[in-house]
N, C-alpha and C. Protein backbone atom coordinates (compact mmCIF):
# COMPACT_ATOMS: atom_id res chain seq x y z
N MET A 1 -59.21 147.17 -14.71
CA MET A 1 -59.98 146.06 -15.19
C MET A 1 -59.28 144.75 -14.86
N LYS A 2 -60.05 143.79 -14.43
CA LYS A 2 -59.51 142.47 -14.13
C LYS A 2 -59.97 141.51 -15.22
N THR A 3 -59.07 140.58 -15.56
CA THR A 3 -59.45 139.55 -16.50
C THR A 3 -60.13 138.45 -15.73
N ARG A 4 -61.31 138.10 -16.18
CA ARG A 4 -62.11 137.10 -15.47
C ARG A 4 -62.27 135.85 -16.33
N ASN A 5 -62.10 134.72 -15.74
CA ASN A 5 -62.24 133.44 -16.42
C ASN A 5 -63.70 133.01 -16.32
N LEU A 6 -64.39 132.92 -17.45
CA LEU A 6 -65.78 132.51 -17.44
C LEU A 6 -65.96 131.02 -17.72
N SER A 7 -64.90 130.33 -17.99
CA SER A 7 -64.98 128.92 -18.31
C SER A 7 -65.32 128.10 -17.08
N GLN A 8 -66.01 126.99 -17.28
CA GLN A 8 -66.36 126.06 -16.20
C GLN A 8 -65.42 124.86 -16.20
N TRP A 9 -64.23 125.00 -16.75
CA TRP A 9 -63.31 123.89 -16.98
C TRP A 9 -62.88 123.19 -15.71
N ASN A 10 -62.72 123.87 -14.63
CA ASN A 10 -62.11 123.26 -13.45
C ASN A 10 -63.10 122.60 -12.50
N GLN A 11 -64.34 122.86 -12.60
CA GLN A 11 -65.27 122.42 -11.58
C GLN A 11 -65.47 120.91 -11.55
N THR A 12 -65.69 120.28 -12.67
CA THR A 12 -65.94 118.84 -12.67
C THR A 12 -64.74 118.06 -12.16
N VAL A 13 -63.57 118.39 -12.66
CA VAL A 13 -62.36 117.69 -12.24
C VAL A 13 -62.04 117.99 -10.78
N ALA A 14 -62.27 119.21 -10.35
CA ALA A 14 -62.02 119.56 -8.95
C ALA A 14 -62.99 118.82 -8.03
N PHE A 15 -64.25 118.66 -8.43
CA PHE A 15 -65.20 117.90 -7.62
C PHE A 15 -64.76 116.44 -7.48
N ILE A 16 -64.20 115.88 -8.54
CA ILE A 16 -63.68 114.51 -8.47
C ILE A 16 -62.53 114.44 -7.48
N ALA A 17 -61.65 115.43 -7.50
CA ALA A 17 -60.51 115.46 -6.56
C ALA A 17 -61.00 115.56 -5.12
N TRP A 18 -61.97 116.42 -4.88
CA TRP A 18 -62.48 116.58 -3.51
C TRP A 18 -63.19 115.32 -3.04
N ALA A 19 -63.91 114.66 -3.93
CA ALA A 19 -64.59 113.41 -3.57
C ALA A 19 -63.56 112.32 -3.25
N ALA A 20 -62.50 112.24 -4.03
CA ALA A 20 -61.45 111.25 -3.78
C ALA A 20 -60.76 111.53 -2.45
N PHE A 21 -60.50 112.80 -2.17
CA PHE A 21 -59.86 113.18 -0.91
C PHE A 21 -60.73 112.79 0.27
N ALA A 22 -62.02 113.09 0.19
CA ALA A 22 -62.94 112.77 1.28
C ALA A 22 -63.08 111.25 1.44
N THR A 23 -63.15 110.54 0.35
CA THR A 23 -63.27 109.08 0.40
C THR A 23 -62.04 108.44 1.03
N SER A 24 -60.87 108.99 0.75
CA SER A 24 -59.63 108.40 1.26
C SER A 24 -59.56 108.41 2.79
N PHE A 25 -60.28 109.29 3.43
CA PHE A 25 -60.25 109.34 4.89
C PHE A 25 -60.94 108.15 5.54
N PHE A 26 -61.80 107.48 4.80
CA PHE A 26 -62.54 106.36 5.36
C PHE A 26 -62.01 105.00 4.90
N LEU A 27 -61.05 105.01 4.00
CA LEU A 27 -60.44 103.77 3.52
C LEU A 27 -59.16 103.47 4.29
N ARG A 28 -58.78 102.21 4.33
CA ARG A 28 -57.51 101.85 4.96
C ARG A 28 -56.37 102.50 4.19
N SER A 29 -55.50 103.19 4.89
CA SER A 29 -54.42 103.92 4.24
C SER A 29 -53.04 103.36 4.58
N TYR A 30 -52.85 103.01 5.82
CA TYR A 30 -51.54 102.49 6.23
C TYR A 30 -51.78 101.39 7.25
N GLY A 31 -51.41 100.17 6.90
CA GLY A 31 -51.70 99.05 7.78
C GLY A 31 -53.19 98.88 7.89
N ASP A 32 -53.69 98.82 9.11
CA ASP A 32 -55.14 98.70 9.33
C ASP A 32 -55.78 100.05 9.62
N ALA A 33 -55.01 101.11 9.62
CA ALA A 33 -55.52 102.44 9.98
C ALA A 33 -56.20 103.12 8.81
N PRO A 34 -57.41 103.63 9.03
CA PRO A 34 -58.06 104.43 7.99
C PRO A 34 -57.39 105.80 7.87
N GLY A 35 -57.72 106.50 6.81
CA GLY A 35 -57.08 107.78 6.53
C GLY A 35 -57.23 108.81 7.62
N TYR A 36 -58.37 108.86 8.27
CA TYR A 36 -58.55 109.89 9.31
C TYR A 36 -57.64 109.63 10.51
N ILE A 37 -57.32 108.37 10.79
CA ILE A 37 -56.37 108.07 11.87
C ILE A 37 -54.97 108.54 11.47
N CYS A 38 -54.60 108.28 10.21
CA CYS A 38 -53.29 108.72 9.72
C CYS A 38 -53.18 110.24 9.74
N ALA A 39 -54.28 110.93 9.52
CA ALA A 39 -54.26 112.39 9.48
C ALA A 39 -54.08 113.02 10.85
N VAL A 40 -54.46 112.31 11.91
CA VAL A 40 -54.38 112.91 13.25
C VAL A 40 -53.24 112.33 14.09
N MET A 41 -52.35 111.61 13.49
CA MET A 41 -51.23 111.01 14.22
C MET A 41 -50.04 111.96 14.39
N HIS A 42 -50.23 113.22 14.17
CA HIS A 42 -49.11 114.16 14.20
C HIS A 42 -48.41 114.23 15.55
N GLY A 43 -49.14 114.02 16.62
CA GLY A 43 -48.54 114.08 17.95
C GLY A 43 -47.42 113.07 18.15
N MET A 44 -47.50 111.96 17.45
CA MET A 44 -46.47 110.93 17.59
C MET A 44 -45.16 111.32 16.91
N PHE A 45 -45.19 112.27 15.99
CA PHE A 45 -44.02 112.61 15.19
C PHE A 45 -43.30 113.87 15.63
N TRP A 46 -43.89 114.64 16.55
CA TRP A 46 -43.28 115.90 16.96
C TRP A 46 -41.91 115.71 17.61
N SER A 47 -41.80 114.77 18.49
CA SER A 47 -40.54 114.57 19.21
C SER A 47 -39.41 114.21 18.25
N ALA A 48 -39.69 113.28 17.34
CA ALA A 48 -38.66 112.88 16.37
C ALA A 48 -38.33 114.04 15.42
N ALA A 49 -39.33 114.81 15.05
CA ALA A 49 -39.08 115.95 14.16
C ALA A 49 -38.23 117.01 14.85
N MET A 50 -38.44 117.20 16.14
CA MET A 50 -37.64 118.19 16.88
C MET A 50 -36.19 117.76 17.01
N HIS A 51 -35.93 116.47 16.85
CA HIS A 51 -34.56 115.97 16.90
C HIS A 51 -33.95 115.81 15.51
N GLY A 52 -34.64 116.32 14.49
CA GLY A 52 -34.08 116.34 13.14
C GLY A 52 -34.35 115.12 12.30
N ASN A 53 -35.29 114.29 12.67
CA ASN A 53 -35.63 113.11 11.87
C ASN A 53 -36.40 113.59 10.63
N TRP A 54 -35.79 113.43 9.46
CA TRP A 54 -36.38 113.96 8.24
C TRP A 54 -37.68 113.28 7.86
N ALA A 55 -37.82 111.99 8.14
CA ALA A 55 -39.07 111.30 7.83
C ALA A 55 -40.22 111.89 8.64
N SER A 56 -39.97 112.21 9.89
CA SER A 56 -41.01 112.82 10.74
C SER A 56 -41.32 114.24 10.29
N ILE A 57 -40.31 114.97 9.90
CA ILE A 57 -40.52 116.33 9.39
C ILE A 57 -41.36 116.29 8.12
N HIS A 58 -41.03 115.36 7.24
CA HIS A 58 -41.77 115.21 5.99
C HIS A 58 -43.23 114.87 6.28
N TYR A 59 -43.46 113.97 7.24
CA TYR A 59 -44.83 113.61 7.62
C TYR A 59 -45.58 114.83 8.16
N LEU A 60 -44.94 115.60 9.01
CA LEU A 60 -45.60 116.78 9.58
C LEU A 60 -45.88 117.84 8.51
N LEU A 61 -45.02 117.93 7.50
CA LEU A 61 -45.25 118.89 6.42
C LEU A 61 -46.47 118.55 5.58
N LEU A 62 -46.94 117.32 5.66
CA LEU A 62 -48.13 116.94 4.90
C LEU A 62 -49.39 117.65 5.40
N THR A 63 -49.30 118.30 6.54
CA THR A 63 -50.42 119.10 7.02
C THR A 63 -50.73 120.23 6.03
N LEU A 64 -49.70 120.80 5.42
CA LEU A 64 -49.91 121.92 4.49
C LEU A 64 -50.71 121.50 3.26
N PRO A 65 -50.36 120.41 2.56
CA PRO A 65 -51.21 120.01 1.44
C PRO A 65 -52.64 119.64 1.86
N ASN A 66 -52.77 119.01 3.02
CA ASN A 66 -54.12 118.66 3.48
C ASN A 66 -54.95 119.90 3.74
N LEU A 67 -54.35 120.91 4.36
CA LEU A 67 -55.07 122.16 4.58
C LEU A 67 -55.40 122.86 3.27
N MET A 68 -54.46 122.79 2.32
CA MET A 68 -54.71 123.39 1.02
C MET A 68 -55.86 122.69 0.31
N MET A 69 -55.90 121.36 0.42
CA MET A 69 -57.01 120.61 -0.20
C MET A 69 -58.33 120.97 0.47
N LEU A 70 -58.34 121.11 1.78
CA LEU A 70 -59.57 121.49 2.47
C LEU A 70 -60.03 122.89 2.11
N ALA A 71 -59.08 123.78 1.86
CA ALA A 71 -59.41 125.16 1.50
C ALA A 71 -59.63 125.33 0.00
N SER A 72 -59.27 124.34 -0.79
CA SER A 72 -59.31 124.50 -2.24
C SER A 72 -60.71 124.77 -2.82
N PRO A 73 -61.80 124.24 -2.25
CA PRO A 73 -63.10 124.64 -2.83
C PRO A 73 -63.30 126.16 -2.76
N PHE A 74 -62.99 126.75 -1.62
CA PHE A 74 -63.09 128.20 -1.49
C PHE A 74 -62.12 128.90 -2.45
N LEU A 75 -60.87 128.41 -2.48
CA LEU A 75 -59.86 129.04 -3.32
C LEU A 75 -60.20 128.93 -4.80
N MET A 76 -60.69 127.79 -5.22
CA MET A 76 -61.03 127.61 -6.63
C MET A 76 -62.15 128.55 -7.06
N PHE A 77 -63.19 128.63 -6.23
CA PHE A 77 -64.32 129.48 -6.63
C PHE A 77 -64.03 130.95 -6.44
N ARG A 78 -63.13 131.28 -5.54
CA ARG A 78 -62.80 132.69 -5.29
C ARG A 78 -61.67 133.18 -6.19
N LEU A 79 -60.55 132.44 -6.21
CA LEU A 79 -59.39 132.89 -6.97
C LEU A 79 -59.36 132.38 -8.40
N GLY A 80 -60.08 131.28 -8.68
CA GLY A 80 -60.07 130.69 -10.01
C GLY A 80 -60.75 131.54 -11.07
N LYS A 81 -61.39 132.61 -10.66
CA LYS A 81 -62.06 133.50 -11.61
C LYS A 81 -61.10 134.42 -12.34
N TYR A 82 -59.92 134.62 -11.77
CA TYR A 82 -58.99 135.60 -12.30
C TYR A 82 -57.67 134.94 -12.70
N ALA A 83 -57.02 135.49 -13.70
CA ALA A 83 -55.80 134.91 -14.24
C ALA A 83 -54.70 134.82 -13.18
N ARG A 84 -54.52 135.84 -12.39
CA ARG A 84 -53.47 135.83 -11.36
C ARG A 84 -53.77 134.80 -10.28
N GLY A 85 -55.01 134.70 -9.85
CA GLY A 85 -55.40 133.69 -8.88
C GLY A 85 -55.25 132.29 -9.43
N LEU A 86 -55.58 132.13 -10.69
CA LEU A 86 -55.44 130.83 -11.33
C LEU A 86 -53.98 130.41 -11.41
N SER A 87 -53.10 131.35 -11.69
CA SER A 87 -51.67 131.06 -11.71
C SER A 87 -51.18 130.64 -10.33
N TRP A 88 -51.62 131.34 -9.30
CA TRP A 88 -51.24 130.99 -7.93
C TRP A 88 -51.73 129.59 -7.58
N LEU A 89 -52.96 129.25 -8.00
CA LEU A 89 -53.51 127.92 -7.73
C LEU A 89 -52.72 126.83 -8.43
N ARG A 90 -52.26 127.10 -9.63
CA ARG A 90 -51.45 126.11 -10.35
C ARG A 90 -50.17 125.80 -9.58
N TYR A 91 -49.49 126.83 -9.12
CA TYR A 91 -48.23 126.62 -8.40
C TYR A 91 -48.44 125.97 -7.04
N SER A 92 -49.46 126.38 -6.33
CA SER A 92 -49.68 125.81 -4.99
C SER A 92 -50.15 124.36 -5.07
N THR A 93 -51.00 124.04 -6.03
CA THR A 93 -51.42 122.64 -6.16
C THR A 93 -50.27 121.77 -6.63
N PHE A 94 -49.38 122.32 -7.45
CA PHE A 94 -48.21 121.54 -7.89
C PHE A 94 -47.26 121.29 -6.71
N ALA A 95 -47.06 122.29 -5.88
CA ALA A 95 -46.20 122.11 -4.70
C ALA A 95 -46.79 121.06 -3.75
N ALA A 96 -48.11 121.10 -3.56
CA ALA A 96 -48.77 120.09 -2.72
C ALA A 96 -48.63 118.71 -3.33
N LEU A 97 -48.78 118.62 -4.64
CA LEU A 97 -48.64 117.35 -5.34
C LEU A 97 -47.24 116.76 -5.15
N ILE A 98 -46.22 117.57 -5.30
CA ILE A 98 -44.84 117.11 -5.14
C ILE A 98 -44.60 116.64 -3.71
N LEU A 99 -45.07 117.38 -2.73
CA LEU A 99 -44.86 117.01 -1.33
C LEU A 99 -45.56 115.69 -1.00
N VAL A 100 -46.78 115.53 -1.46
CA VAL A 100 -47.54 114.31 -1.16
C VAL A 100 -46.92 113.10 -1.86
N TRP A 101 -46.64 113.22 -3.15
CA TRP A 101 -46.12 112.08 -3.88
C TRP A 101 -44.69 111.74 -3.47
N SER A 102 -43.91 112.73 -3.06
CA SER A 102 -42.56 112.40 -2.57
C SER A 102 -42.65 111.58 -1.28
N PHE A 103 -43.65 111.86 -0.46
CA PHE A 103 -43.85 111.07 0.76
C PHE A 103 -44.27 109.64 0.43
N VAL A 104 -45.22 109.49 -0.50
CA VAL A 104 -45.69 108.16 -0.88
C VAL A 104 -44.57 107.36 -1.53
N ILE A 105 -43.81 107.98 -2.41
CA ILE A 105 -42.71 107.28 -3.07
C ILE A 105 -41.63 106.90 -2.05
N ARG A 106 -41.35 107.79 -1.11
CA ARG A 106 -40.37 107.48 -0.07
C ARG A 106 -40.83 106.28 0.75
N LEU A 107 -42.11 106.21 1.06
CA LEU A 107 -42.62 105.05 1.79
C LEU A 107 -42.57 103.78 0.95
N LEU A 108 -42.86 103.90 -0.34
CA LEU A 108 -42.81 102.72 -1.21
C LEU A 108 -41.39 102.16 -1.30
N ILE A 109 -40.41 103.03 -1.34
CA ILE A 109 -39.02 102.59 -1.45
C ILE A 109 -38.54 101.97 -0.15
N SER A 110 -39.02 102.47 0.96
CA SER A 110 -38.57 101.96 2.26
C SER A 110 -39.23 100.62 2.57
N LYS A 111 -38.83 100.06 3.67
CA LYS A 111 -39.41 98.77 4.09
C LYS A 111 -40.87 98.90 4.49
N ASN A 112 -41.37 100.11 4.72
CA ASN A 112 -42.76 100.33 5.12
C ASN A 112 -43.72 100.39 3.94
N GLY A 113 -43.21 100.26 2.73
CA GLY A 113 -44.05 100.36 1.54
C GLY A 113 -45.11 99.30 1.46
N SER A 114 -44.86 98.14 2.04
CA SER A 114 -45.86 97.07 1.99
C SER A 114 -47.06 97.36 2.87
N ASP A 115 -46.95 98.33 3.77
CA ASP A 115 -48.06 98.69 4.65
C ASP A 115 -49.03 99.70 4.03
N LEU A 116 -48.65 100.30 2.89
CA LEU A 116 -49.55 101.25 2.24
C LEU A 116 -50.76 100.53 1.68
N ARG A 117 -51.91 101.14 1.82
CA ARG A 117 -53.16 100.57 1.35
C ARG A 117 -53.83 101.51 0.34
N VAL A 118 -54.94 101.10 -0.16
CA VAL A 118 -55.62 101.82 -1.24
C VAL A 118 -55.97 103.26 -0.84
N GLY A 119 -56.29 103.52 0.40
CA GLY A 119 -56.63 104.88 0.84
C GLY A 119 -55.50 105.86 0.64
N ALA A 120 -54.26 105.41 0.85
CA ALA A 120 -53.11 106.29 0.66
C ALA A 120 -52.94 106.67 -0.81
N PHE A 121 -53.20 105.71 -1.70
CA PHE A 121 -53.05 106.00 -3.12
C PHE A 121 -54.19 106.88 -3.64
N ILE A 122 -55.39 106.69 -3.12
CA ILE A 122 -56.50 107.56 -3.50
C ILE A 122 -56.27 108.96 -2.97
N TRP A 123 -55.74 109.06 -1.74
CA TRP A 123 -55.40 110.36 -1.16
C TRP A 123 -54.37 111.08 -2.04
N ALA A 124 -53.32 110.38 -2.42
CA ALA A 124 -52.27 110.99 -3.26
C ALA A 124 -52.82 111.32 -4.64
N ALA A 125 -53.67 110.45 -5.19
CA ALA A 125 -54.25 110.71 -6.50
C ALA A 125 -55.15 111.94 -6.48
N SER A 126 -55.79 112.22 -5.35
CA SER A 126 -56.67 113.39 -5.28
C SER A 126 -55.87 114.68 -5.50
N PHE A 127 -54.62 114.71 -5.08
CA PHE A 127 -53.79 115.90 -5.32
C PHE A 127 -53.39 116.01 -6.79
N LEU A 128 -53.16 114.87 -7.41
CA LEU A 128 -52.87 114.85 -8.84
C LEU A 128 -54.07 115.35 -9.64
N ILE A 129 -55.26 114.91 -9.26
CA ILE A 129 -56.48 115.32 -9.94
C ILE A 129 -56.75 116.81 -9.71
N LEU A 130 -56.50 117.29 -8.48
CA LEU A 130 -56.69 118.72 -8.21
C LEU A 130 -55.74 119.56 -9.04
N TRP A 131 -54.49 119.11 -9.15
CA TRP A 131 -53.53 119.84 -9.98
C TRP A 131 -53.97 119.83 -11.44
N ALA A 132 -54.48 118.69 -11.90
CA ALA A 132 -54.98 118.60 -13.28
C ALA A 132 -56.12 119.60 -13.50
N SER A 133 -56.95 119.79 -12.50
CA SER A 133 -58.04 120.75 -12.65
C SER A 133 -57.51 122.18 -12.76
N ALA A 134 -56.35 122.43 -12.21
CA ALA A 134 -55.78 123.78 -12.27
C ALA A 134 -55.00 124.03 -13.55
N ILE A 135 -54.56 122.97 -14.24
CA ILE A 135 -53.75 123.20 -15.45
C ILE A 135 -54.52 122.97 -16.74
N LEU A 136 -55.75 122.47 -16.66
CA LEU A 136 -56.52 122.27 -17.88
C LEU A 136 -56.65 123.60 -18.61
N PRO A 137 -56.58 123.58 -19.92
CA PRO A 137 -56.65 124.85 -20.66
C PRO A 137 -58.00 125.53 -20.49
N HIS A 138 -57.93 126.81 -20.42
CA HIS A 138 -59.15 127.60 -20.37
C HIS A 138 -59.10 128.57 -21.54
N LYS A 139 -60.20 128.71 -22.22
CA LYS A 139 -60.23 129.47 -23.47
C LYS A 139 -60.96 130.79 -23.35
N ARG A 140 -62.05 130.80 -22.64
CA ARG A 140 -62.92 131.97 -22.65
C ARG A 140 -62.53 132.95 -21.56
N LEU A 141 -61.94 134.07 -21.94
CA LEU A 141 -61.59 135.12 -21.00
C LEU A 141 -62.26 136.41 -21.44
N VAL A 142 -62.77 137.16 -20.51
CA VAL A 142 -63.33 138.47 -20.80
C VAL A 142 -62.76 139.45 -19.80
N GLN A 143 -62.82 140.71 -20.12
CA GLN A 143 -62.39 141.73 -19.18
C GLN A 143 -63.62 142.33 -18.55
N THR A 144 -63.57 142.45 -17.24
CA THR A 144 -64.69 143.05 -16.52
C THR A 144 -64.44 144.55 -16.42
N GLY A 145 -65.47 145.30 -16.43
CA GLY A 145 -65.36 146.74 -16.32
C GLY A 145 -66.55 147.39 -17.00
N ASP A 146 -66.51 148.71 -17.13
CA ASP A 146 -67.59 149.45 -17.74
C ASP A 146 -67.48 149.33 -19.26
N LEU A 147 -68.50 148.80 -19.88
CA LEU A 147 -68.49 148.61 -21.33
C LEU A 147 -68.71 149.91 -22.08
N ASN A 148 -69.28 150.93 -21.46
CA ASN A 148 -69.58 152.17 -22.16
C ASN A 148 -68.42 153.12 -22.22
N GLN A 149 -67.34 152.84 -21.52
CA GLN A 149 -66.18 153.74 -21.54
C GLN A 149 -65.45 153.59 -22.85
N GLY A 150 -65.32 154.65 -23.56
CA GLY A 150 -64.50 154.70 -24.76
C GLY A 150 -65.04 153.91 -25.92
N THR A 151 -66.25 153.48 -25.89
CA THR A 151 -66.81 152.74 -27.01
C THR A 151 -68.05 153.47 -27.52
N SER A 152 -68.25 153.33 -28.77
CA SER A 152 -69.46 153.91 -29.35
C SER A 152 -70.09 152.89 -30.27
N ILE A 153 -71.37 152.89 -30.30
CA ILE A 153 -72.10 151.96 -31.17
C ILE A 153 -72.57 152.77 -32.36
N ALA A 154 -72.14 152.32 -33.51
CA ALA A 154 -72.51 153.06 -34.73
C ALA A 154 -73.49 152.28 -35.55
């Protein structure tokens, strides 16, 4: 028997996160570049990353949270039904959140922080909102399986 989560707790907050993520691609994120330009600039960072430049490596690692965010609608509706899947989602969204916000904070501290625009903050906030959707309490759990096994109605 699997424990199934029947609560609808994560859907509204997750939809807000996905909308913020999608919106951030069309807003200015860094300098005059919109988010979609920032997302496809990976080719410029490969050479520096291969030579051990940690800032370039960190930038390239942001592909993982972006892919996780793109896959999260499927993951939420598929894995969010079960306690084990929900636990995995909590950890993976938290890891993505840490990676994204560490990059934004590192940019803010550096001399390049003045080039960050609203799209970058909405993009980073979307990961915070997605993580919040994974940690909100859920109350209603039922066990799926055959109800007639071992039970009698008197």
